[in-house]
PDB file of all heavy atoms in Angstrom:
ATOM      1  N   GLU A   1      85.612 108.221  87.250  1.00  0.00           N
ATOM      2  CA  GLU A   1      84.669 108.271  86.121  1.00  0.00           C
ATOM      3  C   GLU A   1      85.118 109.332  85.103  1.00  0.00           C
ATOM      4  O   GLU A   1      85.073 109.070  83.889  1.00  0.00           O
ATOM      5  CB  GLU A   1      83.252 108.723  86.659  1.00  0.00           C
ATOM      6  CG  GLU A   1      82.259 109.039  85.611  1.00  0.00           C
ATOM      7  CD  GLU A   1      81.044 109.823  86.135  1.00  0.00           C
ATOM      8  OE1 GLU A   1      80.947 109.936  87.375  1.00  0.00           O
ATOM      9  OE2 GLU A   1      80.263 110.233  85.295  1.00  0.00           O
ATOM     10  N   MET A   2      85.578 110.488  85.536  1.00  0.00           N
ATOM     11  CA  MET A   2      86.000 111.551  84.656  1.00  0.00           C
ATOM     12  C   MET A   2      87.283 111.252  83.909  1.00  0.00           C
ATOM     13  O   MET A   2      87.487 111.755  82.825  1.00  0.00           O
ATOM     14  CB  MET A   2      86.054 112.864  85.359  1.00  0.00           C
ATOM     15  CG  MET A   2      84.769 113.363  85.944  1.00  0.00           C
ATOM     16  SD  MET A   2      83.390 113.279  84.741  1.00  0.00           S
ATOM     17  CE  MET A   2      83.999 114.388  83.385  1.00  0.00           C
ATOM     18  N   LYS A   3      88.147 110.408  84.476  1.00  0.00           N
ATOM     19  CA  LYS A   3      89.332 109.963  83.747  1.00  0.00           C
ATOM     20  C   LYS A   3      88.919 109.258  82.470  1.00  0.00           C
ATOM     21  O   LYS A   3      89.460 109.475  81.359  1.00  0.00           O
ATOM     22  CB  LYS A   3      90.179 109.052  84.614  1.00  0.00           C
ATOM     23  CG  LYS A   3      90.965 109.803  85.664  1.00  0.00           C
ATOM     24  CD  LYS A   3      91.833 108.785  86.518  1.00  0.00           C
ATOM     25  CE  LYS A   3      92.595 109.519  87.568  1.00  0.00           C
ATOM     26  NZ  LYS A   3      93.394 108.609  88.428  1.00  0.00           N
ATOM     27  N   THR A   4      87.882 108.464  82.580  1.00  0.00           N
ATOM     28  CA  THR A   4      87.317 107.734  81.421  1.00  0.00           C
ATOM     29  C   THR A   4      86.685 108.672  80.438  1.00  0.00           C
ATOM     30  O   THR A   4      86.896 108.632  79.218  1.00  0.00           O
ATOM     31  CB  THR A   4      86.356 106.667  81.845  1.00  0.00           C
ATOM     32  OG1 THR A   4      87.022 105.756  82.732  1.00  0.00           O
ATOM     33  CG2 THR A   4      85.835 105.886  80.645  1.00  0.00           C
ATOM     34  N   VAL A   5      85.908 109.622  80.939  1.00  0.00           N
ATOM     35  CA  VAL A   5      85.143 110.569  80.138  1.00  0.00           C
ATOM     36  C   VAL A   5      86.188 111.426  79.369  1.00  0.00           C
ATOM     37  O   VAL A   5      86.025 111.599  78.129  1.00  0.00           O
ATOM     38  CB  VAL A   5      84.213 111.424  80.990  1.00  0.00           C
ATOM     39  CG1 VAL A   5      83.703 112.615  80.181  1.00  0.00           C
ATOM     40  CG2 VAL A   5      83.117 110.628  81.538  1.00  0.00           C
ATOM     41  N   VAL A   6      87.154 111.963  80.008  1.00  0.00           N
ATOM     42  CA  VAL A   6      88.134 112.827  79.329  1.00  0.00           C
ATOM     43  C   VAL A   6      88.871 112.028  78.249  1.00  0.00           C
ATOM     44  O   VAL A   6      89.122 112.551  77.127  1.00  0.00           O
ATOM     45  CB  VAL A   6      89.117 113.416  80.349  1.00  0.00           C
ATOM     46  CG1 VAL A   6      90.256 114.185  79.599  1.00  0.00           C
ATOM     47  CG2 VAL A   6      88.404 114.417  81.251  1.00  0.00           C
ATOM     48  N   SER A   7      89.261 110.812  78.577  1.00  0.00           N
ATOM     49  CA  SER A   7      89.935 109.973  77.548  1.00  0.00           C
ATOM     50  C   SER A   7      89.068 109.728  76.351  1.00  0.00           C
ATOM     51  O   SER A   7      89.565 109.770  75.225  1.00  0.00           O
ATOM     52  CB  SER A   7      90.368 108.641  78.187  1.00  0.00           C
ATOM     53  OG  SER A   7      91.332 108.843  79.171  1.00  0.00           O
ATOM     54  N   GLU A   8      87.788 109.494  76.580  1.00  0.00           N
ATOM     55  CA  GLU A   8      86.873 109.270  75.464  1.00  0.00           C
ATOM     56  C   GLU A   8      86.701 110.584  74.634  1.00  0.00           C
ATOM     57  O   GLU A   8      86.655 110.514  73.417  1.00  0.00           O
ATOM     58  CB  GLU A   8      85.508 108.769  76.000  1.00  0.00           C
ATOM     59  CG  GLU A   8      85.575 107.357  76.518  1.00  0.00           C
ATOM     60  CD  GLU A   8      84.263 106.918  77.145  1.00  0.00           C
ATOM     61  OE1 GLU A   8      83.359 107.764  77.327  1.00  0.00           O
ATOM     62  OE2 GLU A   8      84.147 105.738  77.428  1.00  0.00           O
ATOM     63  N   LEU A   9      86.593 111.655  75.333  1.00  0.00           N
ATOM     64  CA  LEU A   9      86.467 112.977  74.646  1.00  0.00           C
ATOM     65  C   LEU A   9      87.721 113.266  73.790  1.00  0.00           C
ATOM     66  O   LEU A   9      87.618 113.665  72.666  1.00  0.00           O
ATOM     67  CB  LEU A   9      86.229 114.089  75.606  1.00  0.00           C
ATOM     68  CG  LEU A   9      84.847 114.192  76.236  1.00  0.00           C
ATOM     69  CD1 LEU A   9      84.910 115.148  77.435  1.00  0.00           C
ATOM     70  CD2 LEU A   9      83.777 114.569  75.218  1.00  0.00           C
ATOM     71  N   ASP A  10      88.816 112.994  74.376  1.00  0.00           N
ATOM     72  CA  ASP A  10      90.114 113.164  73.651  1.00  0.00           C
ATOM     73  C   ASP A  10      90.224 112.215  72.450  1.00  0.00           C
ATOM     74  O   ASP A  10      90.819 112.604  71.425  1.00  0.00           O
ATOM     75  CB  ASP A  10      91.279 112.983  74.640  1.00  0.00           C
ATOM     76  CG  ASP A  10      92.657 113.326  73.946  1.00  0.00           C
ATOM     77  OD1 ASP A  10      92.845 114.450  73.566  1.00  0.00           O
ATOM     78  OD2 ASP A  10      93.429 112.366  73.839  1.00  0.00           O
ATOM     79  N   GLY A  11      89.634 111.033  72.565  1.00  0.00           N
ATOM     80  CA  GLY A  11      89.685 110.083  71.490  1.00  0.00           C
ATOM     81  C   GLY A  11      88.858 110.582  70.249  1.00  0.00           C
ATOM     82  O   GLY A  11      89.188 110.335  69.121  1.00  0.00           O
ATOM     83  N   SER A  12      87.747 111.246  70.573  1.00  0.00           N
ATOM     84  CA  SER A  12      86.857 111.748  69.467  1.00  0.00           C
ATOM     85  C   SER A  12      87.151 113.145  69.003  1.00  0.00           C
ATOM     86  O   SER A  12      86.870 113.511  67.871  1.00  0.00           O
ATOM     87  CB  SER A  12      85.391 111.669  69.945  1.00  0.00           C
ATOM     88  OG  SER A  12      85.139 112.531  71.029  1.00  0.00           O
ATOM     89  N   ASP A  13      87.786 113.949  69.856  1.00  0.00           N
ATOM     90  CA  ASP A  13      88.103 115.342  69.516  1.00  0.00           C
ATOM     91  C   ASP A  13      89.433 115.669  70.146  1.00  0.00           C
ATOM     92  O   ASP A  13      89.500 116.390  71.167  1.00  0.00           O
ATOM     93  CB  ASP A  13      86.979 116.263  69.963  1.00  0.00           C
ATOM     94  CG  ASP A  13      87.107 117.645  69.515  1.00  0.00           C
ATOM     95  OD1 ASP A  13      87.948 117.876  68.520  1.00  0.00           O
ATOM     96  OD2 ASP A  13      86.383 118.560  69.913  1.00  0.00           O
ATOM     97  N   SER A  14      90.538 115.104  69.644  1.00  0.00           N
ATOM     98  CA  SER A  14      91.817 115.126  70.358  1.00  0.00           C
ATOM     99  C   SER A  14      92.302 116.555  70.692  1.00  0.00           C
ATOM    100  O   SER A  14      92.318 117.435  69.869  1.00  0.00           O
ATOM    101  CB  SER A  14      92.869 114.414  69.535  1.00  0.00           C
ATOM    102  OG  SER A  14      94.135 114.412  70.156  1.00  0.00           O
ATOM    103  N   LEU A  15      92.822 116.626  71.936  1.00  0.00           N
ATOM    104  CA  LEU A  15      93.454 117.867  72.321  1.00  0.00           C
ATOM    105  C   LEU A  15      94.836 118.072  71.695  1.00  0.00           C
ATOM    106  O   LEU A  15      95.298 119.161  71.495  1.00  0.00           O
ATOM    107  CB  LEU A  15      93.575 117.934  73.884  1.00  0.00           C
ATOM    108  CG  LEU A  15      92.306 117.876  74.698  1.00  0.00           C
ATOM    109  CD1 LEU A  15      92.679 117.750  76.167  1.00  0.00           C
ATOM    110  CD2 LEU A  15      91.516 119.144  74.514  1.00  0.00           C
ATOM    111  N   GLY A  16      95.466 116.979  71.432  1.00  0.00           N
ATOM    112  CA  GLY A  16      96.829 117.046  70.898  1.00  0.00           C
ATOM    113  C   GLY A  16      97.826 117.488  71.942  1.00  0.00           C
ATOM    114  O   GLY A  16      98.920 117.958  71.616  1.00  0.00           O
ATOM    115  N   LEU A  17      97.479 117.346  73.238  1.00  0.00           N
ATOM    116  CA  LEU A  17      98.313 117.780  74.324  1.00  0.00           C
ATOM    117  C   LEU A  17      98.252 116.672  75.422  1.00  0.00           C
ATOM    118  O   LEU A  17      97.309 116.027  75.554  1.00  0.00           O
ATOM    119  CB  LEU A  17      97.822 119.116  74.915  1.00  0.00           C
ATOM    120  CG  LEU A  17      97.853 120.361  74.129  1.00  0.00           C
ATOM    121  CD1 LEU A  17      97.167 121.502  74.899  1.00  0.00           C
ATOM    122  CD2 LEU A  17      99.322 120.736  73.850  1.00  0.00           C
ATOM    123  N   PRO A  18      99.349 116.597  76.271  1.00  0.00           N
ATOM    124  CA  PRO A  18      99.223 115.853  77.417  1.00  0.00           C
ATOM    125  C   PRO A  18      98.230 116.416  78.400  1.00  0.00           C
ATOM    126  O   PRO A  18      98.074 117.639  78.500  1.00  0.00           O
ATOM    127  CB  PRO A  18     100.650 115.824  78.019  1.00  0.00           C
ATOM    128  CG  PRO A  18     101.293 117.059  77.435  1.00  0.00           C
ATOM    129  CD  PRO A  18     100.688 117.297  76.143  1.00  0.00           C
ATOM    130  N   PHE A  19      97.551 115.513  79.169  1.00  0.00           N
ATOM    131  CA  PHE A  19      96.609 116.029  80.131  1.00  0.00           C
ATOM    132  C   PHE A  19      96.618 115.109  81.354  1.00  0.00           C
ATOM    133  O   PHE A  19      96.974 113.944  81.258  1.00  0.00           O
ATOM    134  CB  PHE A  19      95.188 116.152  79.540  1.00  0.00           C
ATOM    135  CG  PHE A  19      94.612 114.861  79.088  1.00  0.00           C
ATOM    136  CD1 PHE A  19      93.960 113.928  79.975  1.00  0.00           C
ATOM    137  CD2 PHE A  19      94.687 114.475  77.759  1.00  0.00           C
ATOM    138  CE1 PHE A  19      93.441 112.761  79.540  1.00  0.00           C
ATOM    139  CE2 PHE A  19      94.144 113.252  77.250  1.00  0.00           C
ATOM    140  CZ  PHE A  19      93.540 112.417  78.136  1.00  0.00           C
ATOM    141  N   LYS A  20      96.207 115.678  82.501  1.00  0.00           N
ATOM    142  CA  LYS A  20      96.093 114.931  83.719  1.00  0.00           C
ATOM    143  C   LYS A  20      94.778 115.200  84.411  1.00  0.00           C
ATOM    144  O   LYS A  20      94.222 116.285  84.223  1.00  0.00           O
ATOM    145  CB  LYS A  20      97.267 115.271  84.679  1.00  0.00           C
ATOM    146  CG  LYS A  20      98.666 115.041  84.087  1.00  0.00           C
ATOM    147  CD  LYS A  20      99.809 115.400  85.047  1.00  0.00           C
ATOM    148  CE  LYS A  20     101.140 115.148  84.429  1.00  0.00           C
ATOM    149  NZ  LYS A  20     102.248 115.474  85.329  1.00  0.00           N
ATOM    150  N   VAL A  21      94.293 114.245  85.160  1.00  0.00           N
ATOM    151  CA  VAL A  21      93.034 114.406  85.858  1.00  0.00           C
ATOM    152  C   VAL A  21      93.264 114.167  87.346  1.00  0.00           C
ATOM    153  O   VAL A  21      93.827 113.164  87.747  1.00  0.00           O
ATOM    154  CB  VAL A  21      92.004 113.376  85.384  1.00  0.00           C
ATOM    155  CG1 VAL A  21      90.712 113.509  86.231  1.00  0.00           C
ATOM    156  CG2 VAL A  21      91.682 113.633  83.890  1.00  0.00           C
ATOM    157  N   VAL A  22      92.865 115.158  88.187  1.00  0.00           N
ATOM    158  CA  VAL A  22      93.086 115.039  89.664  1.00  0.00           C
ATOM    159  C   VAL A  22      91.842 115.397  90.416  1.00  0.00           C
ATOM    160  O   VAL A  22      90.880 116.014  89.797  1.00  0.00           O
ATOM    161  CB  VAL A  22      94.251 115.958  90.125  1.00  0.00           C
ATOM    162  CG1 VAL A  22      95.559 115.580  89.474  1.00  0.00           C
ATOM    163  CG2 VAL A  22      93.882 117.402  89.863  1.00  0.00           C
ATOM    164  N   ALA A  23      91.791 115.070  91.689  1.00  0.00           N
ATOM    165  CA  ALA A  23      90.662 115.337  92.489  1.00  0.00           C
ATOM    166  C   ALA A  23      90.770 116.780  93.107  1.00  0.00           C
ATOM    167  O   ALA A  23      91.821 117.197  93.437  1.00  0.00           O
ATOM    168  CB  ALA A  23      90.575 114.328  93.651  1.00  0.00           C
ATOM    169  N   GLY A  24      89.638 117.391  93.228  1.00  0.00           N
ATOM    170  CA  GLY A  24      89.592 118.697  93.833  1.00  0.00           C
ATOM    171  C   GLY A  24      89.618 118.640  95.349  1.00  0.00           C
ATOM    172  O   GLY A  24      89.600 117.496  95.907  1.00  0.00           O
ATOM    173  N   GLY A  25      89.553 119.778  95.998  1.00  0.00           N
ATOM    174  CA  GLY A  25      89.562 119.799  97.471  1.00  0.00           C
ATOM    175  C   GLY A  25      88.321 120.459  98.038  1.00  0.00           C
ATOM    176  O   GLY A  25      87.339 120.697  97.290  1.00  0.00           O
ATOM    177  N   ALA A  26      88.316 120.735  99.253  1.00  0.00           N
ATOM    178  CA  ALA A  26      87.085 121.286 100.001  1.00  0.00           C
ATOM    179  C   ALA A  26      86.849 122.695  99.449  1.00  0.00           C
ATOM    180  O   ALA A  26      85.653 123.077  99.413  1.00  0.00           O
ATOM    181  CB  ALA A  26      87.342 121.243 101.480  1.00  0.00           C
ATOM    182  N   ARG A  27      87.924 123.471  99.186  1.00  0.00           N
ATOM    183  CA  ARG A  27      87.712 124.843  98.754  1.00  0.00           C
ATOM    184  C   ARG A  27      88.302 124.998  97.331  1.00  0.00           C
ATOM    185  O   ARG A  27      89.089 124.181  96.917  1.00  0.00           O
ATOM    186  CB  ARG A  27      88.419 125.807  99.713  1.00  0.00           C
ATOM    187  CG  ARG A  27      87.885 125.754 101.154  1.00  0.00           C
ATOM    188  CD  ARG A  27      88.811 126.596 102.041  1.00  0.00           C
ATOM    189  NE  ARG A  27      90.196 126.032 102.052  1.00  0.00           N
ATOM    190  CZ  ARG A  27      91.257 126.612 102.635  1.00  0.00           C
ATOM    191  NH1 ARG A  27      91.081 127.817 103.266  1.00  0.00           N
ATOM    192  NH2 ARG A  27      92.434 126.050 102.575  1.00  0.00           N
ATOM    193  N   ARG A  28      87.966 126.082  96.742  1.00  0.00           N
ATOM    194  CA  ARG A  28      88.490 126.373  95.424  1.00  0.00           C
ATOM    195  C   ARG A  28      90.058 126.361  95.465  1.00  0.00           C
ATOM    196  O   ARG A  28      90.719 125.770  94.605  1.00  0.00           O
ATOM    197  CB  ARG A  28      87.985 127.757  94.904  1.00  0.00           C
ATOM    198  CG  ARG A  28      88.452 128.082  93.430  1.00  0.00           C
ATOM    199  CD  ARG A  28      88.015 129.506  93.071  1.00  0.00           C
ATOM    200  NE  ARG A  28      88.259 129.751  91.669  1.00  0.00           N
ATOM    201  CZ  ARG A  28      89.427 130.096  91.168  1.00  0.00           C
ATOM    202  NH1 ARG A  28      90.466 130.186  91.924  1.00  0.00           N
ATOM    203  NH2 ARG A  28      89.565 130.325  89.892  1.00  0.00           N
ATOM    204  N   GLN A  29      90.653 127.021  96.461  1.00  0.00           N
ATOM    205  CA  GLN A  29      92.072 127.146  96.534  1.00  0.00           C
ATOM    206  C   GLN A  29      92.730 125.815  96.760  1.00  0.00           C
ATOM    207  O   GLN A  29      93.865 125.507  96.301  1.00  0.00           O
ATOM    208  CB  GLN A  29      92.515 128.154  97.585  1.00  0.00           C
ATOM    209  CG  GLN A  29      92.126 127.793  99.006  1.00  0.00           C
ATOM    210  CD  GLN A  29      92.055 128.993  99.937  1.00  0.00           C
ATOM    211  OE1 GLN A  29      91.128 129.806  99.780  1.00  0.00           O
ATOM    212  NE2 GLN A  29      93.066 129.136 100.821  1.00  0.00           N
ATOM    213  N   ASP A  30      91.983 124.932  97.422  1.00  0.00           N
ATOM    214  CA  ASP A  30      92.515 123.569  97.609  1.00  0.00           C
ATOM    215  C   ASP A  30      92.549 122.768  96.283  1.00  0.00           C
ATOM    216  O   ASP A  30      93.486 122.059  95.963  1.00  0.00           O
ATOM    217  CB  ASP A  30      91.679 122.800  98.611  1.00  0.00           C
ATOM    218  CG  ASP A  30      91.663 123.465  99.992  1.00  0.00           C
ATOM    219  OD1 ASP A  30      92.685 124.003 100.359  1.00  0.00           O
ATOM    220  OD2 ASP A  30      90.586 123.429 100.609  1.00  0.00           O
ATOM    221  N   SER A  31      91.485 122.994  95.454  1.00  0.00           N
ATOM    222  CA  SER A  31      91.431 122.389  94.150  1.00  0.00           C
ATOM    223  C   SER A  31      92.504 122.851  93.237  1.00  0.00           C
ATOM    224  O   SER A  31      93.174 122.118  92.519  1.00  0.00           O
ATOM    225  CB  SER A  31      90.083 122.660  93.548  1.00  0.00           C
ATOM    226  OG  SER A  31      89.023 122.037  94.233  1.00  0.00           O
ATOM    227  N   VAL A  32      92.818 124.163  93.342  1.00  0.00           N
ATOM    228  CA  VAL A  32      93.890 124.729  92.494  1.00  0.00           C
ATOM    229  C   VAL A  32      95.215 124.147  92.917  1.00  0.00           C
ATOM    230  O   VAL A  32      96.067 123.701  92.092  1.00  0.00           O
ATOM    231  CB  VAL A  32      93.950 126.272  92.682  1.00  0.00           C
ATOM    232  CG1 VAL A  32      95.180 126.810  91.967  1.00  0.00           C
ATOM    233  CG2 VAL A  32      92.691 126.945  92.109  1.00  0.00           C
ATOM    234  N   PHE A  33      95.465 124.047  94.223  1.00  0.00           N
ATOM    235  CA  PHE A  33      96.755 123.524  94.702  1.00  0.00           C
ATOM    236  C   PHE A  33      96.916 122.050  94.315  1.00  0.00           C
ATOM    237  O   PHE A  33      98.031 121.623  93.876  1.00  0.00           O
ATOM    238  CB  PHE A  33      96.851 123.652  96.165  1.00  0.00           C
ATOM    239  CG  PHE A  33      98.277 123.361  96.691  1.00  0.00           C
ATOM    240  CD1 PHE A  33      99.270 124.275  96.524  1.00  0.00           C
ATOM    241  CD2 PHE A  33      98.549 122.125  97.302  1.00  0.00           C
ATOM    242  CE1 PHE A  33     100.558 123.966  96.968  1.00  0.00           C
ATOM    243  CE2 PHE A  33      99.771 121.861  97.768  1.00  0.00           C
ATOM    244  CZ  PHE A  33     100.852 122.766  97.571  1.00  0.00           C
ATOM    245  N   ASN A  34      95.865 121.297  94.260  1.00  0.00           N
ATOM    246  CA  ASN A  34      95.921 119.906  93.815  1.00  0.00           C
ATOM    247  C   ASN A  34      96.328 119.868  92.337  1.00  0.00           C
ATOM    248  O   ASN A  34      97.090 118.979  91.916  1.00  0.00           O
ATOM    249  CB  ASN A  34      94.590 119.234  94.053  1.00  0.00           C
ATOM    250  CG  ASN A  34      94.297 118.867  95.499  1.00  0.00           C
ATOM    251  OD1 ASN A  34      95.149 119.193  96.349  1.00  0.00           O
ATOM    252  ND2 ASN A  34      93.106 118.432  95.783  1.00  0.00           N
ATOM    253  N   GLY A  35      95.818 120.819  91.554  1.00  0.00           N
ATOM    254  CA  GLY A  35      96.162 120.853  90.203  1.00  0.00           C
ATOM    255  C   GLY A  35      97.564 121.244  89.952  1.00  0.00           C
ATOM    256  O   GLY A  35      98.293 120.723  89.137  1.00  0.00           O
ATOM    257  N   LEU A  36      98.088 122.200  90.730  1.00  0.00           N
ATOM    258  CA  LEU A  36      99.449 122.624  90.666  1.00  0.00           C
ATOM    259  C   LEU A  36     100.441 121.551  91.027  1.00  0.00           C
ATOM    260  O   LEU A  36     101.554 121.444  90.493  1.00  0.00           O
ATOM    261  CB  LEU A  36      99.696 123.895  91.564  1.00  0.00           C
ATOM    262  CG  LEU A  36      98.877 125.117  91.327  1.00  0.00           C
ATOM    263  CD1 LEU A  36      99.309 126.163  92.361  1.00  0.00           C
ATOM    264  CD2 LEU A  36      99.021 125.619  89.941  1.00  0.00           C
ATOM    265  N   SER A  37     100.005 120.663  91.909  1.00  0.00           N
ATOM    266  CA  SER A  37     100.936 119.625  92.367  1.00  0.00           C
ATOM    267  C   SER A  37     101.315 118.567  91.347  1.00  0.00           C
ATOM    268  O   SER A  37     102.239 117.776  91.544  1.00  0.00           O
ATOM    269  CB  SER A  37     100.340 118.910  93.646  1.00  0.00           C
ATOM    270  OG  SER A  37      99.159 118.173  93.218  1.00  0.00           O
ATOM    271  N   VAL A  38     100.562 118.503  90.241  1.00  0.00           N
ATOM    272  CA  VAL A  38     100.810 117.474  89.225  1.00  0.00           C
ATOM    273  C   VAL A  38     101.383 118.125  87.936  1.00  0.00           C
ATOM    274  O   VAL A  38     101.442 117.414  86.894  1.00  0.00           O
ATOM    275  CB  VAL A  38      99.607 116.653  88.918  1.00  0.00           C
ATOM    276  CG1 VAL A  38      99.160 115.894  90.164  1.00  0.00           C
ATOM    277  CG2 VAL A  38      98.472 117.456  88.340  1.00  0.00           C
ATOM    278  N   LEU A  39     101.725 119.379  87.983  1.00  0.00           N
ATOM    279  CA  LEU A  39     102.234 120.012  86.753  1.00  0.00           C
ATOM    280  C   LEU A  39     103.568 119.462  86.315  1.00  0.00           C
ATOM    281  O   LEU A  39     104.337 118.951  87.197  1.00  0.00           O
ATOM    282  CB  LEU A  39     102.296 121.531  86.929  1.00  0.00           C
ATOM    283  CG  LEU A  39     101.002 122.298  87.095  1.00  0.00           C
ATOM    284  CD1 LEU A  39     101.284 123.760  87.345  1.00  0.00           C
ATOM    285  CD2 LEU A  39     100.179 122.199  85.762  1.00  0.00           C
ATOM    286  N   SER A  40     103.865 119.598  85.031  1.00  0.00           N
ATOM    287  CA  SER A  40     105.153 119.130  84.568  1.00  0.00           C
ATOM    288  C   SER A  40     106.354 119.870  85.287  1.00  0.00           C
ATOM    289  O   SER A  40     106.219 121.026  85.595  1.00  0.00           O
ATOM    290  CB  SER A  40     105.226 119.417  83.042  1.00  0.00           C
ATOM    291  OG  SER A  40     106.548 119.421  82.576  1.00  0.00           O
ATOM    292  N   ALA A  41     107.441 119.138  85.433  1.00  0.00           N
ATOM    293  CA  ALA A  41     108.590 119.770  86.036  1.00  0.00           C
ATOM    294  C   ALA A  41     109.143 120.882  85.191  1.00  0.00           C
ATOM    295  O   ALA A  41     109.907 121.758  85.675  1.00  0.00           O
ATOM    296  CB  ALA A  41     109.664 118.668  86.245  1.00  0.00           C
ATOM    297  N   ARG A  42     108.776 120.941  83.924  1.00  0.00           N
ATOM    298  CA  ARG A  42     109.271 121.943  82.995  1.00  0.00           C
ATOM    299  C   ARG A  42     108.343 123.201  82.937  1.00  0.00           C
ATOM    300  O   ARG A  42     108.573 124.161  82.263  1.00  0.00           O
ATOM    301  CB  ARG A  42     109.457 121.413  81.603  1.00  0.00           C
ATOM    302  CG  ARG A  42     110.575 120.397  81.492  1.00  0.00           C
ATOM    303  CD  ARG A  42     110.703 119.853  80.071  1.00  0.00           C
ATOM    304  NE  ARG A  42     109.473 119.191  79.643  1.00  0.00           N
ATOM    305  CZ  ARG A  42     109.205 117.877  79.925  1.00  0.00           C
ATOM    306  NH1 ARG A  42     110.045 117.194  80.662  1.00  0.00           N
ATOM    307  NH2 ARG A  42     108.080 117.340  79.503  1.00  0.00           N
TER     308      ARG A  42
END
């Protein structure tokens, strides 16, 4: 659902940046690690 929401928000008020949407985990630190796992190789 949020992939669609973020795309719509970006369409009306563009970030001008690449973005990714991922699922969180059971704990805050799990959610952070999930976010780190999809970062750009650069």
